[in-house]
Amino acid sequence: MLFYDFKGVGPMHAMLHMERRMITSAWSKSPESKKSLLFKIFCLTNPCSADKICESIHNAMRKISESTIHRLSLYYRTLVSLQRERYITVSSRELAKRDKLTPAQVRKDLSFFGSFGTRGLGYPVNELKDKIASILGLNRTWNVAMVGVGNVGSALVSYKEFPRQGFVIKKIFDNDQRKIGKNHKGILVSDVRNLAKELKEDRIEIVVLAVPAPAAQSVVDEVVLAGVHTILNFAPTNLKVPDNIVLRTVNMAMELEHLSFALSNRGKIKEL
């Protein structure tokens, strides 16, 4: 028998072969702070497959918004700074102030993933930082491949914060015969024609695209074929991927357009 204790909401006991209906019923009636733990019980007692019930729970977990995940990254960085400043505990008010949010928003975001801190005392900085790191997957290393080593790709390979956060660039690919086979910042440049094969061989988990827009879709198709499910795209184009692929696109021109809009319409929005 497996025992699970949900702090603050009472103990729950789960048998190894608990009826799925019992878990899914508990899921539907549980607060958000309890659902992640119910999800873990389900996956322990029912190894994930094509099962529709398992899939429905996975989909429910995916409903945590992108903005919530973005704020978790903000909290993590703030906690790293607080750790350097030798803070022992921090209140939701202080976290909110530093990240320009509300204390209620901080508490709501954290409640999605469990019970943290003590009422009236705040959150232990070291403990909360480690838990958020675990939620974000920063408590392990990830094998990353870079496709394209032009100006953008080369700059990304040189970015020292990636390995510090656990993102280790293992492979570099390009189609330039002058670069293929050469050492680029300590990594051998491979031929992009071997992309799918080498991604599989090196067990790459994340692919970063820094290729011209016209070439991006064909490269993405090869990445998907290789079984990689997470892609960070720097090509200024909309890419089509299957529903089970997580694709993030960074379009620096659009970010500059956002700034140019702010400059061009300074004061006008309030007037409207």
Protein backbone atom coordinates (compact mmCIF):
# COMPACT_ATOMS: atom_id res chain seq x y z
CA MET A 1 0.00 0.00 0.00
CA LEU A 2 1.18 3.51 -0.81
CA PHE A 3 0.57 6.32 1.65
CA TYR A 4 0.22 9.98 0.67
CA ASP A 5 -0.16 12.80 3.15
CA PHE A 6 -1.57 16.05 1.78
CA LYS A 7 -0.40 18.70 4.22
CA GLY A 8 -3.18 21.01 5.22
CA VAL A 9 -5.96 18.94 3.64
CA GLY A 10 -5.70 15.69 5.61
CA PRO A 11 -4.18 12.25 4.88
CA MET A 12 -5.10 10.13 1.90
CA HIS A 13 -4.27 6.46 1.43
CA ALA A 14 -3.97 5.01 -2.04
CA MET A 15 -3.72 1.29 -2.76
CA LEU A 16 -1.43 0.25 -5.56
CA HIS A 17 -4.37 -0.84 -7.73
CA MET A 18 -6.92 1.81 -6.68
CA GLU A 19 -9.97 2.03 -8.92
CA ARG A 20 -9.46 4.71 -11.55
CA ARG A 21 -12.93 6.07 -11.02
CA MET A 22 -12.13 6.85 -7.39
CA ILE A 23 -9.09 8.90 -8.42
CA THR A 24 -10.81 10.75 -11.24
CA SER A 25 -13.77 11.49 -8.96
CA ALA A 26 -11.41 12.90 -6.34
CA TRP A 27 -9.71 14.89 -9.10
CA SER A 28 -12.92 16.59 -10.21
CA LYS A 29 -13.82 17.62 -6.64
CA SER A 30 -10.35 18.70 -5.47
CA PRO A 31 -8.92 22.21 -5.16
CA GLU A 32 -6.09 23.12 -7.52
CA SER A 33 -3.50 22.78 -4.73
CA LYS A 34 -4.37 19.09 -4.37
CA LYS A 35 -4.64 18.08 -8.02
CA SER A 36 -0.92 17.76 -8.77
CA LEU A 37 -0.58 15.18 -5.99
CA LEU A 38 -3.65 13.24 -7.17
CA PHE A 39 -2.09 13.29 -10.62
CA LYS A 40 1.09 11.69 -9.22
CA ILE A 41 -0.96 8.96 -7.51
CA PHE A 42 -2.77 8.21 -10.76
CA CYS A 43 0.45 7.87 -12.74
CA LEU A 44 2.01 5.65 -10.07
CA THR A 45 -0.97 3.32 -9.97
CA ASN A 46 -1.74 3.47 -13.69
CA PRO A 47 1.30 3.70 -16.00
CA CYS A 48 0.50 6.19 -18.75
CA SER A 49 -0.64 4.80 -22.06
CA ALA A 50 -3.22 5.66 -24.67
CA ASP A 51 -5.85 5.32 -21.94
CA LYS A 52 -8.54 8.01 -22.27
CA ILE A 53 -8.81 8.61 -18.52
CA CYS A 54 -5.06 9.10 -18.18
CA GLU A 55 -5.12 11.41 -21.19
CA SER A 56 -7.93 13.49 -19.68
CA ILE A 57 -5.94 14.03 -16.49
CA HIS A 58 -2.84 14.98 -18.46
CA ASN A 59 -4.94 17.50 -20.39
CA ALA A 60 -6.32 18.95 -17.18
CA MET A 61 -2.79 19.45 -15.86
CA ARG A 62 -1.92 21.26 -19.08
CA LYS A 63 -4.59 23.88 -18.31
CA ILE A 64 -2.14 25.71 -16.08
CA SER A 65 -1.73 28.88 -18.10
CA GLU A 66 1.43 30.04 -19.83
CA SER A 67 1.25 33.24 -17.81
CA THR A 68 1.39 31.19 -14.59
CA ILE A 69 4.50 29.37 -15.81
CA HIS A 70 6.02 32.71 -16.82
CA ARG A 71 5.42 34.07 -13.31
CA LEU A 72 7.01 30.96 -11.78
CA SER A 73 10.16 31.85 -13.70
CA LEU A 74 9.96 35.37 -12.24
CA TYR A 75 9.55 34.00 -8.71
CA TYR A 76 12.50 31.68 -9.21
CA ARG A 77 14.80 34.53 -10.24
CA THR A 78 13.57 36.70 -7.37
CA LEU A 79 14.21 33.88 -4.92
CA VAL A 80 17.74 33.45 -6.28
CA SER A 81 18.31 37.17 -5.61
CA LEU A 82 16.80 36.88 -2.12
CA GLN A 83 19.06 33.92 -1.42
CA ARG A 84 22.08 36.03 -2.38
CA GLU A 85 20.80 38.75 -0.04
CA ARG A 86 20.70 36.13 2.74
CA TYR A 87 16.92 36.21 3.24
CA ILE A 88 15.63 33.27 5.29
CA THR A 89 11.92 33.77 4.63
CA VAL A 90 9.88 35.94 2.29
CA SER A 91 6.22 36.94 2.34
CA SER A 92 3.86 36.82 -0.63
CA ARG A 93 3.67 40.60 -0.30
CA GLU A 94 7.45 40.96 -0.74
CA LEU A 95 7.52 38.54 -3.68
CA ALA A 96 4.64 40.42 -5.28
CA LYS A 97 6.30 43.80 -4.74
CA ARG A 98 9.55 42.70 -6.36
CA ASP A 99 7.78 41.16 -9.37
CA LYS A 100 5.14 43.93 -9.68
CA LEU A 101 2.22 41.61 -8.93
CA THR A 102 -0.34 41.23 -6.14
CA PRO A 103 0.11 38.98 -3.08
CA ALA A 104 -3.11 37.18 -4.05
CA GLN A 105 -1.67 36.37 -7.48
CA VAL A 106 1.49 34.92 -5.93
CA ARG A 107 -0.50 32.73 -3.55
CA LYS A 108 -2.83 31.57 -6.33
CA ASP A 109 0.06 30.64 -8.65
CA LEU A 110 1.83 28.61 -5.97
CA SER A 111 -1.40 26.87 -4.92
CA PHE A 112 -1.52 25.08 -8.29
CA PHE A 113 1.47 23.00 -7.22
CA GLY A 114 0.93 22.30 -3.54
CA SER A 115 1.01 23.87 -0.10
CA PHE A 116 3.93 26.22 0.54
CA GLY A 117 5.02 28.30 3.53
CA THR A 118 3.36 29.02 6.87
CA ARG A 119 0.60 31.55 7.38
CA GLY A 120 1.99 34.61 9.14
CA LEU A 121 5.61 33.49 8.67
CA GLY A 122 5.97 33.46 4.89
CA TYR A 123 7.88 31.10 2.62
CA PRO A 124 11.33 29.63 3.40
CA VAL A 125 13.43 31.12 0.59
CA ASN A 126 15.74 28.15 0.00
CA GLU A 127 12.94 25.59 0.14
CA LEU A 128 10.60 27.52 -2.16
CA LYS A 129 13.40 28.19 -4.66
CA ASP A 130 14.23 24.47 -4.80
CA LYS A 131 10.57 23.48 -5.20
CA ILE A 132 9.99 25.95 -8.02
CA ALA A 133 13.21 24.75 -9.66
CA SER A 134 11.81 21.21 -9.51
CA ILE A 135 8.45 22.32 -10.97
CA LEU A 136 10.24 24.11 -13.83
CA GLY A 137 12.50 21.11 -14.41
CA LEU A 138 15.65 22.97 -13.36
CA ASN A 139 16.75 20.29 -10.91
CA ARG A 140 18.25 18.19 -13.73
CA THR A 141 20.11 18.64 -17.01
CA TRP A 142 18.51 18.70 -20.47
CA ASN A 143 20.17 17.69 -23.72
CA VAL A 144 19.81 20.55 -26.21
CA ALA A 145 20.61 20.78 -29.92
CA MET A 146 21.14 24.05 -31.82
CA VAL A 147 20.17 24.10 -35.50
CA GLY A 148 21.84 26.99 -37.33
CA VAL A 149 25.05 28.69 -36.23
CA GLY A 150 24.73 32.06 -37.91
CA ASN A 151 24.79 35.23 -35.83
CA VAL A 152 21.82 34.30 -33.62
CA GLY A 153 22.74 30.64 -33.20
CA SER A 154 26.37 31.45 -32.41
CA ALA A 155 25.30 33.99 -29.76
CA LEU A 156 22.97 31.44 -28.16
CA VAL A 157 25.68 28.78 -28.03
CA SER A 158 27.87 31.31 -26.19
CA TYR A 159 25.17 32.19 -23.63
CA LYS A 160 26.62 31.03 -20.30
CA GLU A 161 23.32 31.05 -18.43
CA PHE A 162 22.03 27.99 -20.35
CA PRO A 163 24.39 25.43 -18.75
CA ARG A 164 23.97 27.08 -15.36
CA GLN A 165 20.24 26.42 -15.64
CA GLY A 166 20.79 22.82 -16.75
CA PHE A 167 20.38 23.32 -20.53
CA VAL A 168 23.44 21.67 -22.05
CA ILE A 169 24.01 22.17 -25.79
CA LYS A 170 25.21 18.77 -26.96
CA LYS A 171 24.84 19.11 -30.71
CA ILE A 172 25.13 21.86 -33.32
CA PHE A 173 23.82 21.50 -36.88
CA ASP A 174 24.27 23.62 -39.98
CA ASN A 175 24.09 23.31 -43.78
CA ASP A 176 27.20 25.39 -44.49
CA GLN A 177 29.92 23.05 -45.75
CA ARG A 178 32.55 25.49 -44.47
CA LYS A 179 31.29 24.97 -40.89
CA ILE A 180 30.41 21.26 -40.95
CA GLY A 181 33.05 19.15 -39.22
CA LYS A 182 34.61 22.20 -37.59
CA ASN A 183 34.80 22.92 -33.87
CA HIS A 184 32.47 25.75 -32.89
CA LYS A 185 32.96 26.96 -29.31
CA GLY A 186 33.94 23.47 -28.20
CA ILE A 187 31.20 21.59 -30.11
CA LEU A 188 31.58 19.79 -33.43
CA VAL A 189 29.22 21.10 -36.13
CA SER A 190 27.16 18.32 -37.72
CA ASP A 191 25.52 18.22 -41.13
CA VAL A 192 21.82 19.17 -40.90
CA ARG A 193 21.11 16.37 -43.39
CA ASN A 194 21.80 13.94 -40.52
CA LEU A 195 19.53 15.83 -38.12
CA ALA A 196 16.85 13.22 -37.31
CA LYS A 197 19.37 10.38 -36.99
CA GLU A 198 21.75 12.24 -34.66
CA LEU A 199 18.97 13.74 -32.52
CA LYS A 200 17.84 10.19 -31.76
CA GLU A 201 21.36 8.87 -31.17
CA ASP A 202 22.23 11.65 -28.71
CA ARG A 203 18.85 11.57 -26.98
CA ILE A 204 18.23 15.26 -27.57
CA GLU A 205 15.26 16.57 -25.59
CA ILE A 206 15.07 20.22 -26.69
CA VAL A 207 15.86 21.69 -30.10
CA VAL A 208 16.59 25.39 -30.67
CA LEU A 209 16.02 26.67 -34.21
CA ALA A 210 18.06 29.61 -35.47
CA VAL A 211 17.60 29.14 -39.21
CA PRO A 212 16.20 31.39 -41.98
CA ALA A 213 12.39 31.46 -42.14
CA PRO A 214 12.09 29.59 -45.48
CA ALA A 215 14.03 26.60 -44.07
CA ALA A 216 12.36 26.45 -40.67
CA GLN A 217 9.33 24.24 -41.45
CA SER A 218 11.34 21.47 -43.12
CA VAL A 219 13.77 21.46 -40.19
CA VAL A 220 10.89 21.28 -37.70
CA ASP A 221 9.43 18.33 -39.59
CA GLU A 222 12.74 16.49 -39.20
CA VAL A 223 12.86 17.34 -35.49
CA VAL A 224 9.35 15.96 -34.97
CA LEU A 225 10.28 12.85 -36.96
CA ALA A 226 13.18 12.29 -34.57
CA GLY A 227 10.78 12.19 -31.62
CA VAL A 228 11.75 15.51 -30.02
CA HIS A 229 8.72 17.12 -28.38
CA THR A 230 10.02 20.55 -27.33
CA ILE A 231 11.23 23.26 -29.72
CA LEU A 232 12.37 26.85 -29.25
CA ASN A 233 12.11 28.74 -32.54
CA PHE A 234 13.91 31.96 -33.42
CA ALA A 235 12.90 31.93 -37.09
CA PRO A 236 10.43 34.76 -37.86
CA THR A 237 7.66 32.53 -39.17
CA ASN A 238 4.65 30.54 -38.00
CA LEU A 239 5.41 26.84 -37.85
CA LYS A 240 2.99 23.92 -37.97
CA VAL A 241 3.54 21.09 -35.49
CA PRO A 242 1.39 18.23 -34.12
CA ASP A 243 -0.67 18.89 -30.98
CA ASN A 244 1.71 16.90 -28.79
CA ILE A 245 4.67 19.16 -29.63
CA VAL A 246 5.49 22.14 -27.42
CA LEU A 247 6.66 24.99 -29.65
CA ARG A 248 7.80 28.40 -28.40
CA THR A 249 8.61 31.13 -30.89
CA VAL A 250 10.73 34.18 -30.10
CA ASN A 251 10.28 36.90 -32.71
CA MET A 252 12.60 39.77 -31.83
CA ALA A 253 11.15 42.01 -34.56
CA MET A 254 7.70 41.69 -32.96
CA GLU A 255 9.14 42.57 -29.57
CA LEU A 256 10.66 45.73 -31.06
CA GLU A 257 7.31 46.52 -32.69
CA HIS A 258 5.73 46.37 -29.24
CA LEU A 259 8.24 48.98 -28.05
CA SER A 260 7.79 51.15 -31.12
CA PHE A 261 4.02 51.07 -30.54
CA ALA A 262 4.55 52.23 -26.96
CA LEU A 263 6.76 55.09 -28.14
CA SER A 264 4.46 56.09 -31.00
CA ASN A 265 1.34 56.09 -28.82
CA ARG A 266 2.72 57.51 -25.63
CA GLY A 267 -0.14 59.37 -23.96
CA LYS A 268 -2.67 58.55 -26.70
CA ILE A 269 -4.06 55.40 -25.10
CA LYS A 270 -5.08 57.27 -21.93
CA GLU A 271 -6.81 59.88 -24.04
CA LEU A 272 -8.95 57.17 -25.66
